[in-house]
Amino acid sequence: MRTGSRGRTYSSRRVAGGGKRYYTETEYYITDGSAVRISVPDYYEQSMPGLSRRPSITVAKNRAKAAHMNPGYILFLCLALFICAAAAIAYVNLRSENTALMKQATKLEGTYNEMKQSNDEEFNRIKASINMEEIKRIAMEELGMRYPDEEQVVDISGKSEDYVRQYRKIPEAEK
């Protein structure tokens, strides 16, 4: 037995073939006449019960913490996990609903644009088919209509709209 530069205790034995077997408290390796270490598989460790590995300090601390978990803490962790899972599921559902609504809105916009285009085309077709001169001729000759005289025109003050609805009789204009 000897002590290395890091304060570890090393043991060594000669093995067949001229190499040496080295093992420390945590490592086990073989050298065969060179400085390269060859790690020994786990089955060597199992066959030699004195060479069992100790867990690292981090693993030992985690095991100690896990041993101190009381039922209340485990219940709290389960509740937190359930809340997170429910929030994730709700988020995924909202995203899928949002996607479906966006697809529906796109479809409705397409339908609206088609209907508007069809309506504009029909309006232009009707407008082009109307002959205003023919309407004027029929109104004046066949129906006896004529343009109003100055006395028949009544100015009505009010809001500036495209048309006026008449709810009562128009008052006589003062002459």
C-alpha atoms as a PDB file:
ATOM      1  CA  MET A   1       0.000   0.000   0.000  1.00  0.00           C
ATOM      2  CA  ARG A   2       1.116   3.509  -0.781  1.00  0.00           C
ATOM      3  CA  THR A   3      -0.322   7.028  -0.685  1.00  0.00           C
ATOM      4  CA  GLY A   4      -0.598   9.009  -3.906  1.00  0.00           C
ATOM      5  CA  SER A   5      -0.214  12.719  -4.561  1.00  0.00           C
ATOM      6  CA  ARG A   6      -3.896  13.401  -3.863  1.00  0.00           C
ATOM      7  CA  GLY A   7      -3.943  11.650  -0.545  1.00  0.00           C
ATOM      8  CA  ARG A   8      -5.469   8.406  -1.883  1.00  0.00           C
ATOM      9  CA  THR A   9      -4.295   5.021  -0.793  1.00  0.00           C
ATOM     10  CA  TYR A  10      -3.291   2.723  -3.662  1.00  0.00           C
ATOM     11  CA  SER A  11      -2.802  -1.018  -3.615  1.00  0.00           C
ATOM     12  CA  SER A  12      -1.254  -2.999  -6.421  1.00  0.00           C
ATOM     13  CA  ARG A  13      -0.774  -6.666  -7.371  1.00  0.00           C
ATOM     14  CA  ARG A  14       1.074  -8.341 -10.165  1.00  0.00           C
ATOM     15  CA  VAL A  15      -1.107 -10.073 -12.731  1.00  0.00           C
ATOM     16  CA  ALA A  16      -0.332 -12.572 -15.444  1.00  0.00           C
ATOM     17  CA  GLY A  17       1.343 -10.953 -18.434  1.00  0.00           C
ATOM     18  CA  GLY A  18       3.530  -8.618 -16.422  1.00  0.00           C
ATOM     19  CA  GLY A  19       0.910  -5.929 -15.806  1.00  0.00           C
ATOM     20  CA  LYS A  20      -0.265  -4.562 -12.505  1.00  0.00           C
ATOM     21  CA  ARG A  21      -3.743  -4.147 -11.085  1.00  0.00           C
ATOM     22  CA  TYR A  22      -4.374  -0.896  -9.243  1.00  0.00           C
ATOM     23  CA  TYR A  23      -7.367  -0.135  -7.138  1.00  0.00           C
ATOM     24  CA  THR A  24      -8.216   2.675  -4.828  1.00  0.00           C
ATOM     25  CA  GLU A  25     -11.168   3.316  -2.599  1.00  0.00           C
ATOM     26  CA  THR A  26     -13.237   4.480  -5.612  1.00  0.00           C
ATOM     27  CA  GLU A  27     -11.369   3.295  -8.759  1.00  0.00           C
ATOM     28  CA  TYR A  28     -10.103   0.020 -10.142  1.00  0.00           C
ATOM     29  CA  TYR A  29      -7.925  -0.205 -13.240  1.00  0.00           C
ATOM     30  CA  ILE A  30      -5.240  -2.317 -14.906  1.00  0.00           C
ATOM     31  CA  THR A  31      -2.001  -1.249 -16.567  1.00  0.00           C
ATOM     32  CA  ASP A  32      -0.084  -3.600 -18.797  1.00  0.00           C
ATOM     33  CA  GLY A  33       3.360  -2.112 -19.051  1.00  0.00           C
ATOM     34  CA  SER A  34       2.242   1.341 -20.214  1.00  0.00           C
ATOM     35  CA  ALA A  35       0.933   4.529 -18.641  1.00  0.00           C
ATOM     36  CA  VAL A  36      -2.520   4.091 -20.220  1.00  0.00           C
ATOM     37  CA  ARG A  37      -5.205   3.056 -17.779  1.00  0.00           C
ATOM     38  CA  ILE A  38      -7.705   0.449 -18.890  1.00  0.00           C
ATOM     39  CA  SER A  39     -10.944   0.582 -16.927  1.00  0.00           C
ATOM     40  CA  VAL A  40     -12.094  -2.722 -15.595  1.00  0.00           C
ATOM     41  CA  PRO A  41     -15.715  -3.666 -16.393  1.00  0.00           C
ATOM     42  CA  ASP A  42     -18.290  -3.856 -13.643  1.00  0.00           C
ATOM     43  CA  TYR A  43     -18.251  -7.646 -13.513  1.00  0.00           C
ATOM     44  CA  TYR A  44     -14.754  -7.517 -12.016  1.00  0.00           C
ATOM     45  CA  GLU A  45     -16.123  -5.367  -9.243  1.00  0.00           C
ATOM     46  CA  GLN A  46     -18.990  -7.773  -8.676  1.00  0.00           C
ATOM     47  CA  SER A  47     -16.636 -10.723  -8.534  1.00  0.00           C
ATOM     48  CA  MET A  48     -14.508  -8.937  -5.929  1.00  0.00           C
ATOM     49  CA  PRO A  49     -16.770  -7.857  -3.071  1.00  0.00           C
ATOM     50  CA  GLY A  50     -14.116  -5.725  -1.399  1.00  0.00           C
ATOM     51  CA  LEU A  51     -14.059  -3.280  -4.334  1.00  0.00           C
ATOM     52  CA  SER A  52     -17.594  -1.873  -4.074  1.00  0.00           C
ATOM     53  CA  ARG A  53     -17.943   1.792  -5.026  1.00  0.00           C
ATOM     54  CA  ARG A  54     -19.163   4.382  -2.626  1.00  0.00           C
ATOM     55  CA  PRO A  55     -21.758   6.816  -3.963  1.00  0.00           C
ATOM     56  CA  SER A  56     -20.570  10.321  -4.768  1.00  0.00           C
ATOM     57  CA  ILE A  57     -21.195  13.138  -2.314  1.00  0.00           C
ATOM     58  CA  THR A  58     -24.019  14.602  -4.483  1.00  0.00           C
ATOM     59  CA  VAL A  59     -25.791  11.245  -4.669  1.00  0.00           C
ATOM     60  CA  ALA A  60     -25.436  10.774  -0.927  1.00  0.00           C
ATOM     61  CA  LYS A  61     -26.922  14.236  -0.272  1.00  0.00           C
ATOM     62  CA  ASN A  62     -29.846  13.558  -2.644  1.00  0.00           C
ATOM     63  CA  ARG A  63     -30.550  10.243  -0.948  1.00  0.00           C
ATOM     64  CA  ALA A  64     -30.489  11.935   2.443  1.00  0.00           C
ATOM     65  CA  LYS A  65     -32.940  14.610   1.240  1.00  0.00           C
ATOM     66  CA  ALA A  66     -35.229  11.961  -0.262  1.00  0.00           C
ATOM     67  CA  ALA A  67     -35.276  10.080   3.028  1.00  0.00           C
ATOM     68  CA  HIS A  68     -36.608  13.202   4.803  1.00  0.00           C
ATOM     69  CA  MET A  69     -39.644  13.767   2.544  1.00  0.00           C
ATOM     70  CA  ASN A  70     -42.741  13.668   4.681  1.00  0.00           C
ATOM     71  CA  PRO A  71     -46.242  12.898   3.324  1.00  0.00           C
ATOM     72  CA  GLY A  72     -47.254  16.574   3.411  1.00  0.00           C
ATOM     73  CA  TYR A  73     -44.346  17.545   1.151  1.00  0.00           C
ATOM     74  CA  ILE A  74     -45.133  14.702  -1.248  1.00  0.00           C
ATOM     75  CA  LEU A  75     -48.796  15.790  -1.320  1.00  0.00           C
ATOM     76  CA  PHE A  76     -47.704  19.368  -2.065  1.00  0.00           C
ATOM     77  CA  LEU A  77     -45.474  18.174  -4.938  1.00  0.00           C
ATOM     78  CA  CYS A  78     -48.304  16.041  -6.365  1.00  0.00           C
ATOM     79  CA  LEU A  79     -50.688  18.999  -6.163  1.00  0.00           C
ATOM     80  CA  ALA A  80     -48.161  21.277  -7.896  1.00  0.00           C
ATOM     81  CA  LEU A  81     -47.646  18.649 -10.607  1.00  0.00           C
ATOM     82  CA  PHE A  82     -51.415  18.331 -11.096  1.00  0.00           C
ATOM     83  CA  ILE A  83     -51.820  22.120 -11.397  1.00  0.00           C
ATOM     84  CA  CYS A  84     -48.982  22.351 -13.925  1.00  0.00           C
ATOM     85  CA  ALA A  85     -50.420  19.482 -15.963  1.00  0.00           C
ATOM     86  CA  ALA A  86     -53.898  21.064 -15.925  1.00  0.00           C
ATOM     87  CA  ALA A  87     -52.451  24.408 -17.019  1.00  0.00           C
ATOM     88  CA  ALA A  88     -50.536  22.740 -19.849  1.00  0.00           C
ATOM     89  CA  ILE A  89     -53.646  20.878 -21.031  1.00  0.00           C
ATOM     90  CA  ALA A  90     -55.735  24.070 -20.864  1.00  0.00           C
ATOM     91  CA  TYR A  91     -53.060  25.927 -22.847  1.00  0.00           C
ATOM     92  CA  VAL A  92     -52.989  23.270 -25.553  1.00  0.00           C
ATOM     93  CA  ASN A  93     -56.812  23.314 -25.762  1.00  0.00           C
ATOM     94  CA  LEU A  94     -56.875  27.103 -26.069  1.00  0.00           C
ATOM     95  CA  ARG A  95     -54.231  27.008 -28.796  1.00  0.00           C
ATOM     96  CA  SER A  96     -56.213  24.411 -30.773  1.00  0.00           C
ATOM     97  CA  GLU A  97     -59.451  26.440 -30.383  1.00  0.00           C
ATOM     98  CA  ASN A  98     -57.598  29.560 -31.506  1.00  0.00           C
ATOM     99  CA  THR A  99     -56.289  27.743 -34.582  1.00  0.00           C
ATOM    100  CA  ALA A 100     -59.779  26.455 -35.424  1.00  0.00           C
ATOM    101  CA  LEU A 101     -61.276  29.941 -35.054  1.00  0.00           C
ATOM    102  CA  MET A 102     -58.572  31.449 -37.250  1.00  0.00           C
ATOM    103  CA  LYS A 103     -59.283  28.858 -39.945  1.00  0.00           C
ATOM    104  CA  GLN A 104     -63.013  29.601 -39.697  1.00  0.00           C
ATOM    105  CA  ALA A 105     -62.373  33.368 -39.904  1.00  0.00           C
ATOM    106  CA  THR A 106     -60.229  32.861 -43.006  1.00  0.00           C
ATOM    107  CA  LYS A 107     -62.963  30.761 -44.583  1.00  0.00           C
ATOM    108  CA  LEU A 108     -65.626  33.396 -43.776  1.00  0.00           C
ATOM    109  CA  GLU A 109     -63.415  36.172 -45.170  1.00  0.00           C
ATOM    110  CA  GLY A 110     -63.104  34.218 -48.399  1.00  0.00           C
ATOM    111  CA  THR A 111     -66.892  33.765 -48.564  1.00  0.00           C
ATOM    112  CA  TYR A 112     -67.411  37.480 -47.840  1.00  0.00           C
ATOM    113  CA  ASN A 113     -64.988  38.498 -50.598  1.00  0.00           C
ATOM    114  CA  GLU A 114     -66.697  36.174 -53.079  1.00  0.00           C
ATOM    115  CA  MET A 115     -70.152  37.562 -52.190  1.00  0.00           C
ATOM    116  CA  LYS A 116     -68.933  41.163 -52.381  1.00  0.00           C
ATOM    117  CA  GLN A 117     -67.367  40.566 -55.773  1.00  0.00           C
ATOM    118  CA  SER A 118     -70.536  38.868 -57.010  1.00  0.00           C
ATOM    119  CA  ASN A 119     -72.656  41.758 -55.671  1.00  0.00           C
ATOM    120  CA  ASP A 120     -70.423  44.381 -57.325  1.00  0.00           C
ATOM    121  CA  GLU A 121     -70.555  42.516 -60.638  1.00  0.00           C
ATOM    122  CA  GLU A 122     -74.363  42.292 -60.484  1.00  0.00           C
ATOM    123  CA  PHE A 123     -74.642  45.988 -59.574  1.00  0.00           C
ATOM    124  CA  ASN A 124     -72.441  46.984 -62.507  1.00  0.00           C
ATOM    125  CA  ARG A 125     -74.413  44.711 -64.849  1.00  0.00           C
ATOM    126  CA  ILE A 126     -77.733  46.273 -63.735  1.00  0.00           C
ATOM    127  CA  LYS A 127     -76.315  49.797 -63.920  1.00  0.00           C
ATOM    128  CA  ALA A 128     -75.054  49.178 -67.446  1.00  0.00           C
ATOM    129  CA  SER A 129     -78.398  47.745 -68.547  1.00  0.00           C
ATOM    130  CA  ILE A 130     -80.377  50.843 -67.478  1.00  0.00           C
ATOM    131  CA  ASN A 131     -80.904  53.433 -70.174  1.00  0.00           C
ATOM    132  CA  MET A 132     -81.727  56.699 -68.426  1.00  0.00           C
ATOM    133  CA  GLU A 133     -82.866  58.393 -71.641  1.00  0.00           C
ATOM    134  CA  GLU A 134     -85.437  55.656 -72.232  1.00  0.00           C
ATOM    135  CA  ILE A 135     -86.760  56.037 -68.673  1.00  0.00           C
ATOM    136  CA  LYS A 136     -87.040  59.822 -69.133  1.00  0.00           C
ATOM    137  CA  ARG A 137     -88.907  59.377 -72.431  1.00  0.00           C
ATOM    138  CA  ILE A 138     -91.428  56.914 -70.939  1.00  0.00           C
ATOM    139  CA  ALA A 139     -91.999  59.129 -67.886  1.00  0.00           C
ATOM    140  CA  MET A 140     -92.653  62.291 -69.896  1.00  0.00           C
ATOM    141  CA  GLU A 141     -94.521  60.914 -72.903  1.00  0.00           C
ATOM    142  CA  GLU A 142     -96.415  57.911 -71.623  1.00  0.00           C
ATOM    143  CA  LEU A 143     -96.962  58.849 -67.973  1.00  0.00           C
ATOM    144  CA  GLY A 144     -97.272  62.630 -68.411  1.00  0.00           C
ATOM    145  CA  MET A 145     -94.612  63.567 -65.891  1.00  0.00           C
ATOM    146  CA  ARG A 146     -92.732  66.876 -66.074  1.00  0.00           C
ATOM    147  CA  TYR A 147     -90.065  68.781 -64.187  1.00  0.00           C
ATOM    148  CA  PRO A 148     -91.365  70.737 -61.141  1.00  0.00           C
ATOM    149  CA  ASP A 149     -91.915  74.496 -61.225  1.00  0.00           C
ATOM    150  CA  GLU A 150     -90.059  76.819 -58.876  1.00  0.00           C
ATOM    151  CA  GLU A 151     -93.097  77.123 -56.615  1.00  0.00           C
ATOM    152  CA  GLN A 152     -93.353  73.356 -56.159  1.00  0.00           C
ATOM    153  CA  VAL A 153     -89.833  73.003 -54.702  1.00  0.00           C
ATOM    154  CA  VAL A 154     -89.628  73.262 -50.889  1.00  0.00           C
ATOM    155  CA  ASP A 155     -86.269  73.541 -49.130  1.00  0.00           C
ATOM    156  CA  ILE A 156     -86.125  71.603 -45.852  1.00  0.00           C
ATOM    157  CA  SER A 157     -83.391  72.380 -43.359  1.00  0.00           C
ATOM    158  CA  GLY A 158     -82.017  69.531 -41.308  1.00  0.00           C
ATOM    159  CA  LYS A 159     -79.209  67.054 -41.189  1.00  0.00           C
ATOM    160  CA  SER A 160     -77.200  66.625 -44.315  1.00  0.00           C
ATOM    161  CA  GLU A 161     -78.206  63.122 -45.294  1.00  0.00           C
ATOM    162  CA  ASP A 162     -78.744  61.481 -48.637  1.00  0.00           C
ATOM    163  CA  TYR A 163     -82.511  61.470 -48.272  1.00  0.00           C
ATOM    164  CA  VAL A 164     -85.273  62.814 -46.037  1.00  0.00           C
ATOM    165  CA  ARG A 165     -88.088  60.732 -44.600  1.00  0.00           C
ATOM    166  CA  GLN A 166     -91.440  62.446 -44.545  1.00  0.00           C
ATOM    167  CA  TYR A 167     -93.392  61.700 -41.361  1.00  0.00           C
ATOM    168  CA  ARG A 168     -96.000  64.464 -41.806  1.00  0.00           C
ATOM    169  CA  LYS A 169     -97.309  66.836 -44.426  1.00  0.00           C
ATOM    170  CA  ILE A 170     -94.843  69.392 -45.766  1.00  0.00           C
ATOM    171  CA  PRO A 171     -95.865  72.906 -44.652  1.00  0.00           C
ATOM    172  CA  GLU A 172     -96.991  75.365 -47.291  1.00  0.00           C
ATOM    173  CA  ALA A 173     -94.259  77.729 -48.301  1.00  0.00           C
ATOM    174  CA  GLU A 174     -94.947  81.374 -47.663  1.00  0.00           C
ATOM    175  CA  LYS A 175     -95.082  83.438 -50.813  1.00  0.00           C
END
